[in-house]
C-alpha atoms as a PDB file:
ATOM      1  CA  TRP A   1      62.732  96.155  52.574  1.00  0.00           C
ATOM      2  CA  ILE A   2      61.957  93.839  49.843  1.00  0.00           C
ATOM      3  CA  HIS A   3      61.784  96.749  47.289  1.00  0.00           C
ATOM      4  CA  LYS A   4      65.068  98.101  48.416  1.00  0.00           C
ATOM      5  CA  GLU A   5      66.660  94.963  48.068  1.00  0.00           C
ATOM      6  CA  SER A   6      64.777  94.755  44.657  1.00  0.00           C
ATOM      7  CA  LEU A   7      66.561  97.711  43.561  1.00  0.00           C
ATOM      8  CA  MET A   8      69.706  96.686  44.447  1.00  0.00           C
ATOM      9  CA  ILE A   9      69.488  93.711  42.140  1.00  0.00           C
ATOM     10  CA  ARG A  10      68.293  96.033  39.566  1.00  0.00           C
ATOM     11  CA  ARG A  11      71.004  98.341  39.560  1.00  0.00           C
ATOM     12  CA  SER A  12      73.203  95.286  39.772  1.00  0.00           C
ATOM     13  CA  ASN A  13      71.939  93.941  36.405  1.00  0.00           C
ATOM     14  CA  ARG A  14      71.039  96.703  34.443  1.00  0.00           C
ATOM     15  CA  GLY A  15      72.884  99.768  35.618  1.00  0.00           C
ATOM     16  CA  GLU A  16      71.447 103.053  37.650  1.00  0.00           C
ATOM     17  CA  ASN A  17      69.750 104.406  34.304  1.00  0.00           C
ATOM     18  CA  SER A  18      67.087 101.360  33.375  1.00  0.00           C
ATOM     19  CA  LEU A  19      63.482 101.106  32.997  1.00  0.00           C
ATOM     20  CA  GLU A  20      63.062  98.808  35.686  1.00  0.00           C
ATOM     21  CA  VAL A  21      65.227 100.480  38.268  1.00  0.00           C
ATOM     22  CA  ALA A  22      62.779 103.633  37.581  1.00  0.00           C
ATOM     23  CA  ALA A  23      59.770 101.461  38.272  1.00  0.00           C
ATOM     24  CA  THR A  24      61.592 100.102  41.816  1.00  0.00           C
ATOM     25  CA  LEU A  25      62.078 103.471  42.691  1.00  0.00           C
ATOM     26  CA  ASN A  26      58.647 104.457  42.096  1.00  0.00           C
ATOM     27  CA  SER A  27      57.387 101.978  44.116  1.00  0.00           C
ATOM     28  CA  ILE A  28      60.006 103.083  47.289  1.00  0.00           C
ATOM     29  CA  GLY A  29      58.772 106.538  46.581  1.00  0.00           C
ATOM     30  CA  LEU A  30      54.856 105.079  47.108  1.00  0.00           C
ATOM     31  CA  VAL A  31      55.863 103.624  50.204  1.00  0.00           C
ATOM     32  CA  LEU A  32      57.279 106.573  51.753  1.00  0.00           C
ATOM     33  CA  PHE A  33      54.932 108.878  50.998  1.00  0.00           C
ATOM     34  CA  LYS A  34      52.507 106.537  52.703  1.00  0.00           C
ATOM     35  CA  MET A  35      54.487 106.483  55.633  1.00  0.00           C
ATOM     36  CA  GLN A  36      54.317 110.074  55.490  1.00  0.00           C
ATOM     37  CA  SER A  37      57.768 110.450  54.817  1.00  0.00           C
ATOM     38  CA  PHE A  38      57.309 113.271  51.772  1.00  0.00           C
ATOM     39  CA  THR A  39      60.777 114.694  52.012  1.00  0.00           C
ATOM     40  CA  ILE A  40      62.626 111.179  50.895  1.00  0.00           C
ATOM     41  CA  ALA A  41      59.410 110.368  48.784  1.00  0.00           C
ATOM     42  CA  LEU A  42      60.235 113.488  46.517  1.00  0.00           C
ATOM     43  CA  ASP A  43      63.653 113.180  46.439  1.00  0.00           C
ATOM     44  CA  VAL A  44      63.436 109.110  45.203  1.00  0.00           C
ATOM     45  CA  PHE A  45      60.527 109.781  42.696  1.00  0.00           C
ATOM     46  CA  MET A  46      62.771 112.927  41.329  1.00  0.00           C
ATOM     47  CA  THR A  47      65.232 110.401  40.569  1.00  0.00           C
ATOM     48  CA  SER A  48      62.830 107.944  38.930  1.00  0.00           C
ATOM     49  CA  LEU A  49      61.555 111.179  36.684  1.00  0.00           C
ATOM     50  CA  LYS A  50      65.237 111.996  35.520  1.00  0.00           C
ATOM     51  CA  ILE A  51      65.286 107.714  34.475  1.00  0.00           C
ATOM     52  CA  ARG A  52      62.297 108.344  32.839  1.00  0.00           C
ATOM     53  CA  ARG A  53      62.649 111.515  30.821  1.00  0.00           C
ATOM     54  CA  SER A  54      66.331 110.234  29.833  1.00  0.00           C
ATOM     55  CA  LEU A  55      64.971 107.087  28.284  1.00  0.00           C
ATOM     56  CA  LEU A  56      61.373 108.248  27.387  1.00  0.00           C
ATOM     57  CA  GLY A  57      61.663 111.872  26.647  1.00  0.00           C
ATOM     58  CA  TRP A  58      59.207 114.247  28.109  1.00  0.00           C
ATOM     59  CA  ILE A  59      56.140 113.444  26.524  1.00  0.00           C
ATOM     60  CA  HIS A  60      54.943 110.132  27.900  1.00  0.00           C
ATOM     61  CA  LYS A  61      52.546 108.213  30.027  1.00  0.00           C
ATOM     62  CA  ASP A  62      55.339 107.242  32.413  1.00  0.00           C
ATOM     63  CA  VAL A  63      56.361 110.268  33.106  1.00  0.00           C
ATOM     64  CA  SER A  64      52.964 111.915  33.867  1.00  0.00           C
ATOM     65  CA  ILE A  65      52.852 109.039  36.257  1.00  0.00           C
ATOM     66  CA  ILE A  66      55.694 109.809  38.184  1.00  0.00           C
ATOM     67  CA  LEU A  67      54.870 113.666  37.570  1.00  0.00           C
ATOM     68  CA  TYR A  68      51.280 112.805  39.247  1.00  0.00           C
ATOM     69  CA  ASN A  69      53.444 111.424  42.289  1.00  0.00           C
ATOM     70  CA  ILE A  70      55.197 114.520  42.900  1.00  0.00           C
ATOM     71  CA  ALA A  71      52.539 116.797  42.583  1.00  0.00           C
ATOM     72  CA  THR A  72      50.526 114.850  44.953  1.00  0.00           C
ATOM     73  CA  VAL A  73      53.627 114.635  47.566  1.00  0.00           C
ATOM     74  CA  GLN A  74      53.949 118.201  47.204  1.00  0.00           C
ATOM     75  CA  LEU A  75      50.519 118.944  47.643  1.00  0.00           C
ATOM     76  CA  GLU A  76      50.467 116.935  50.598  1.00  0.00           C
ATOM     77  CA  SER A  77      53.543 118.673  52.224  1.00  0.00           C
ATOM     78  CA  GLY A  78      51.566 121.959  52.105  1.00  0.00           C
ATOM     79  CA  ASP A  79      53.490 123.261  48.678  1.00  0.00           C
ATOM     80  CA  GLU A  80      50.607 123.976  46.956  1.00  0.00           C
ATOM     81  CA  GLN A  81      52.052 126.727  44.176  1.00  0.00           C
ATOM     82  CA  GLU A  82      54.920 123.859  43.589  1.00  0.00           C
ATOM     83  CA  ALA A  83      51.922 121.109  43.327  1.00  0.00           C
ATOM     84  CA  LEU A  84      49.613 123.405  40.787  1.00  0.00           C
ATOM     85  CA  LYS A  85      52.310 123.584  38.527  1.00  0.00           C
ATOM     86  CA  THR A  86      53.152 119.847  38.549  1.00  0.00           C
ATOM     87  CA  PHE A  87      49.888 118.773  38.412  1.00  0.00           C
ATOM     88  CA  ASP A  88      49.665 121.433  35.750  1.00  0.00           C
ATOM     89  CA  GLU A  89      52.352 119.551  33.358  1.00  0.00           C
ATOM     90  CA  THR A  90      51.106 116.372  34.564  1.00  0.00           C
ATOM     91  CA  LEU A  91      47.692 117.261  32.805  1.00  0.00           C
ATOM     92  CA  ARG A  92      49.341 118.435  30.036  1.00  0.00           C
ATOM     93  CA  ILE A  93      51.377 115.364  29.017  1.00  0.00           C
ATOM     94  CA  GLU A  94      48.216 113.000  30.542  1.00  0.00           C
ATOM     95  CA  ARG A  95      45.788 115.025  27.269  1.00  0.00           C
ATOM     96  CA  ALA A  96      48.882 114.513  24.712  1.00  0.00           C
ATOM     97  CA  VAL A  97      49.402 110.887  25.475  1.00  0.00           C
ATOM     98  CA  LEU A  98      46.006 109.478  26.949  1.00  0.00           C
ATOM     99  CA  GLY A  99      43.638 110.074  24.481  1.00  0.00           C
ATOM    100  CA  ASN A 100      39.899 108.665  25.512  1.00  0.00           C
ATOM    101  CA  ASP A 101      41.727 107.095  28.829  1.00  0.00           C
ATOM    102  CA  GLN A 102      39.999 110.050  30.942  1.00  0.00           C
ATOM    103  CA  SER A 103      39.944 109.048  34.328  1.00  0.00           C
ATOM    104  CA  GLU A 104      44.167 109.902  34.978  1.00  0.00           C
ATOM    105  CA  ILE A 105      42.645 112.976  33.284  1.00  0.00           C
ATOM    106  CA  VAL A 106      39.666 113.776  35.902  1.00  0.00           C
ATOM    107  CA  ALA A 107      41.883 112.858  38.653  1.00  0.00           C
ATOM    108  CA  SER A 108      44.546 115.655  37.655  1.00  0.00           C
ATOM    109  CA  LEU A 109      41.635 117.895  36.981  1.00  0.00           C
ATOM    110  CA  ARG A 110      39.995 117.781  40.441  1.00  0.00           C
ATOM    111  CA  HIS A 111      43.357 118.372  41.808  1.00  0.00           C
ATOM    112  CA  ILE A 112      44.186 121.416  40.415  1.00  0.00           C
ATOM    113  CA  ALA A 113      40.440 122.542  41.184  1.00  0.00           C
ATOM    114  CA  LYS A 114      40.834 121.695  44.685  1.00  0.00           C
ATOM    115  CA  ILE A 115      44.363 124.040  44.703  1.00  0.00           C
ATOM    116  CA  HIS A 116      42.478 126.803  42.861  1.00  0.00           C
ATOM    117  CA  LYS A 117      39.853 126.390  45.565  1.00  0.00           C
ATOM    118  CA  SER A 118      41.906 126.375  48.880  1.00  0.00           C
ATOM    119  CA  ARG A 119      43.548 129.453  47.182  1.00  0.00           C
ATOM    120  CA  GLY A 120      40.152 131.507  46.557  1.00  0.00           C
ATOM    121  CA  TYR A 121      40.574 131.148  42.857  1.00  0.00           C
ATOM    122  CA  LEU A 122      37.029 129.721  42.525  1.00  0.00           C
ATOM    123  CA  ASN A 123      36.376 130.612  39.060  1.00  0.00           C
ATOM    124  CA  GLU A 124      39.297 128.587  38.103  1.00  0.00           C
ATOM    125  CA  ALA A 125      37.890 125.450  40.532  1.00  0.00           C
ATOM    126  CA  LEU A 126      35.071 125.801  38.804  1.00  0.00           C
ATOM    127  CA  ALA A 127      35.898 125.532  35.101  1.00  0.00           C
ATOM    128  CA  TYR A 128      38.469 122.458  35.589  1.00  0.00           C
ATOM    129  CA  LEU A 129      35.866 120.696  37.490  1.00  0.00           C
ATOM    130  CA  GLU A 130      33.004 121.170  34.763  1.00  0.00           C
ATOM    131  CA  GLU A 131      35.620 120.093  32.791  1.00  0.00           C
ATOM    132  CA  ALA A 132      35.964 116.782  34.816  1.00  0.00           C
ATOM    133  CA  ARG A 133      32.425 116.780  34.974  1.00  0.00           C
ATOM    134  CA  ASP A 134      31.577 116.802  31.225  1.00  0.00           C
ATOM    135  CA  MET A 135      34.685 114.072  30.809  1.00  0.00           C
ATOM    136  CA  ARG A 136      33.009 111.550  33.212  1.00  0.00           C
ATOM    137  CA  GLU A 137      29.838 112.124  31.771  1.00  0.00           C
ATOM    138  CA  ASP A 138      30.876 111.711  27.896  1.00  0.00           C
ATOM    139  CA  GLY A 139      32.438 108.289  29.044  1.00  0.00           C
ATOM    140  CA  MET A 140      28.857 107.024  29.956  1.00  0.00           C
ATOM    141  CA  HIS A 141      28.771 106.291  33.494  1.00  0.00           C
ATOM    142  CA  GLU A 142      26.513 104.483  35.213  1.00  0.00           C
ATOM    143  CA  ASN A 143      24.187 107.060  37.170  1.00  0.00           C
ATOM    144  CA  ASN A 144      26.020 105.167  40.406  1.00  0.00           C
ATOM    145  CA  ASP A 145      28.995 106.705  39.519  1.00  0.00           C
ATOM    146  CA  LEU A 146      30.878 107.733  42.500  1.00  0.00           C
ATOM    147  CA  VAL A 147      33.461 109.991  40.928  1.00  0.00           C
ATOM    148  CA  LEU A 148      30.796 112.109  39.272  1.00  0.00           C
ATOM    149  CA  ALA A 149      28.650 112.350  42.081  1.00  0.00           C
ATOM    150  CA  GLN A 150      32.136 113.532  44.445  1.00  0.00           C
ATOM    151  CA  ILE A 151      32.438 116.726  41.322  1.00  0.00           C
ATOM    152  CA  LEU A 152      28.763 117.293  41.519  1.00  0.00           C
ATOM    153  CA  ASN A 153      29.273 117.632  45.226  1.00  0.00           C
ATOM    154  CA  GLN A 154      32.300 120.187  44.705  1.00  0.00           C
ATOM    155  CA  ILE A 155      30.473 122.084  41.909  1.00  0.00           C
ATOM    156  CA  GLY A 156      27.587 122.745  44.272  1.00  0.00           C
ATOM    157  CA  ASN A 157      29.871 123.926  46.769  1.00  0.00           C
ATOM    158  CA  ILE A 158      31.234 126.616  44.878  1.00  0.00           C
ATOM    159  CA  HIS A 159      27.963 127.598  43.326  1.00  0.00           C
ATOM    160  CA  LEU A 160      27.036 128.085  46.598  1.00  0.00           C
ATOM    161  CA  GLN A 161      29.881 129.912  47.548  1.00  0.00           C
ATOM    162  CA  HIS A 162      28.648 132.171  44.686  1.00  0.00           C
ATOM    163  CA  CYS A 163      25.163 132.611  46.174  1.00  0.00           C
ATOM    164  CA  GLU A 164      24.008 130.797  43.106  1.00  0.00           C
ATOM    165  CA  THR A 165      21.523 128.548  45.339  1.00  0.00           C
ATOM    166  CA  THR A 166      19.524 126.954  42.009  1.00  0.00           C
ATOM    167  CA  LYS A 167      22.960 125.901  40.380  1.00  0.00           C
ATOM    168  CA  ALA A 168      23.524 124.695  43.359  1.00  0.00           C
ATOM    169  CA  MET A 169      20.487 122.418  44.448  1.00  0.00           C
ATOM    170  CA  GLU A 170      20.670 121.142  40.882  1.00  0.00           C
ATOM    171  CA  SER A 171      24.060 119.641  41.633  1.00  0.00           C
ATOM    172  CA  PHE A 172      23.621 118.603  44.984  1.00  0.00           C
ATOM    173  CA  SER A 173      20.495 116.768  43.939  1.00  0.00           C
ATOM    174  CA  ARG A 174      22.337 115.045  41.156  1.00  0.00           C
ATOM    175  CA  ALA A 175      25.079 113.937  43.390  1.00  0.00           C
ATOM    176  CA  LEU A 176      22.869 112.632  46.377  1.00  0.00           C
ATOM    177  CA  ARG A 177      20.901 110.454  43.885  1.00  0.00           C
ATOM    178  CA  MET A 178      23.721 108.963  42.241  1.00  0.00           C
ATOM    179  CA  PHE A 179      25.455 108.276  46.327  1.00  0.00           C
ATOM    180  CA  ARG A 180      22.021 106.816  46.940  1.00  0.00           C
ATOM    181  CA  ASN A 181      21.818 104.335  43.948  1.00  0.00           C
ATOM    182  CA  ALA A 182      25.522 103.831  44.848  1.00  0.00           C
ATOM    183  CA  GLY A 183      24.456 102.312  48.424  1.00  0.00           C
ATOM    184  CA  ARG A 184      25.986 105.047  50.196  1.00  0.00           C
ATOM    185  CA  SER A 185      24.616 107.044  52.875  1.00  0.00           C
ATOM    186  CA  ASP A 186      22.709 110.953  52.463  1.00  0.00           C
ATOM    187  CA  THR A 187      25.851 111.843  54.817  1.00  0.00           C
ATOM    188  CA  ASP A 188      28.623 111.630  51.635  1.00  0.00           C
ATOM    189  CA  LEU A 189      26.882 114.251  50.402  1.00  0.00           C
ATOM    190  CA  VAL A 190      29.093 117.058  52.049  1.00  0.00           C
ATOM    191  CA  VAL A 191      27.309 121.208  51.999  1.00  0.00           C
ATOM    192  CA  GLU A 192      29.539 123.563  52.920  1.00  0.00           C
ATOM    193  CA  GLY A 193      27.629 126.222  55.171  1.00  0.00           C
ATOM    194  CA  LEU A 194      24.139 124.182  55.298  1.00  0.00           C
ATOM    195  CA  ASP A 195      23.383 126.196  58.168  1.00  0.00           C
ATOM    196  CA  ARG A 196      23.997 129.367  57.070  1.00  0.00           C
ATOM    197  CA  TYR A 197      22.049 128.936  53.823  1.00  0.00           C
ATOM    198  CA  ASN A 198      19.338 127.242  55.356  1.00  0.00           C
ATOM    199  CA  LEU A 199      18.936 124.885  52.400  1.00  0.00           C
ATOM    200  CA  VAL A 200      17.074 121.706  52.223  1.00  0.00           C
ATOM    201  CA  VAL A 201      18.892 119.267  50.071  1.00  0.00           C
ATOM    202  CA  TYR A 202      17.388 115.974  51.293  1.00  0.00           C
ATOM    203  CA  HIS A 203      14.077 116.772  49.117  1.00  0.00           C
ATOM    204  CA  PRO A 204      11.567 114.213  47.041  1.00  0.00           C
ATOM    205  CA  GLU A 205      13.155 114.946  43.691  1.00  0.00           C
ATOM    206  CA  ALA A 206      16.904 113.717  45.194  1.00  0.00           C
ATOM    207  CA  ALA A 207      14.897 110.056  45.541  1.00  0.00           C
ATOM    208  CA  ALA A 208      17.225 107.233  44.601  1.00  0.00           C
ATOM    209  CA  VAL A 209      16.187 106.228  41.333  1.00  0.00           C
ATOM    210  CA  ALA A 210      14.610 102.608  41.767  1.00  0.00           C
END
């Protein structure tokens, strides 16, 4: 592996504890993650985290990045409880160090919301998604913003589960407009339980903006 050879060179030149070694370990962890070797990837990420914390402290952007990777591995391997704890820690650091750079914060908020929803805590999931929506809107993104469309879609489904059909339709309609403005298909809008609720989402008000 190129990354493995790079790691050996950097360890010989810089020693075991250096930011260069931590970065290479992170790269190796990402490769392992894509190969779905979650247990090994987690060990590699943890080693990178230990090095970064020792050199950078606990509140640093590079620490939040590796924590995000760890949480993602935990989530994909089915450990929702540990993933939630790690995403919470990631979010806490991101809020402290990222300032107006909200894209990474939004990603963490969405992951936390996903876990809460999976565990049946819909109100908690909705709160995190609404914060993600507000941050994305405050960033003055265009009306073809796919991330905002996906967030609105998720919010709509939670309202639907709460039997709040009017609020659900408002979110679905906004999401659909954005999907269409971005040149995406109407099938990008995912409505959970559409047949059960007998909703008509694809109505004239959701037509693409010229």
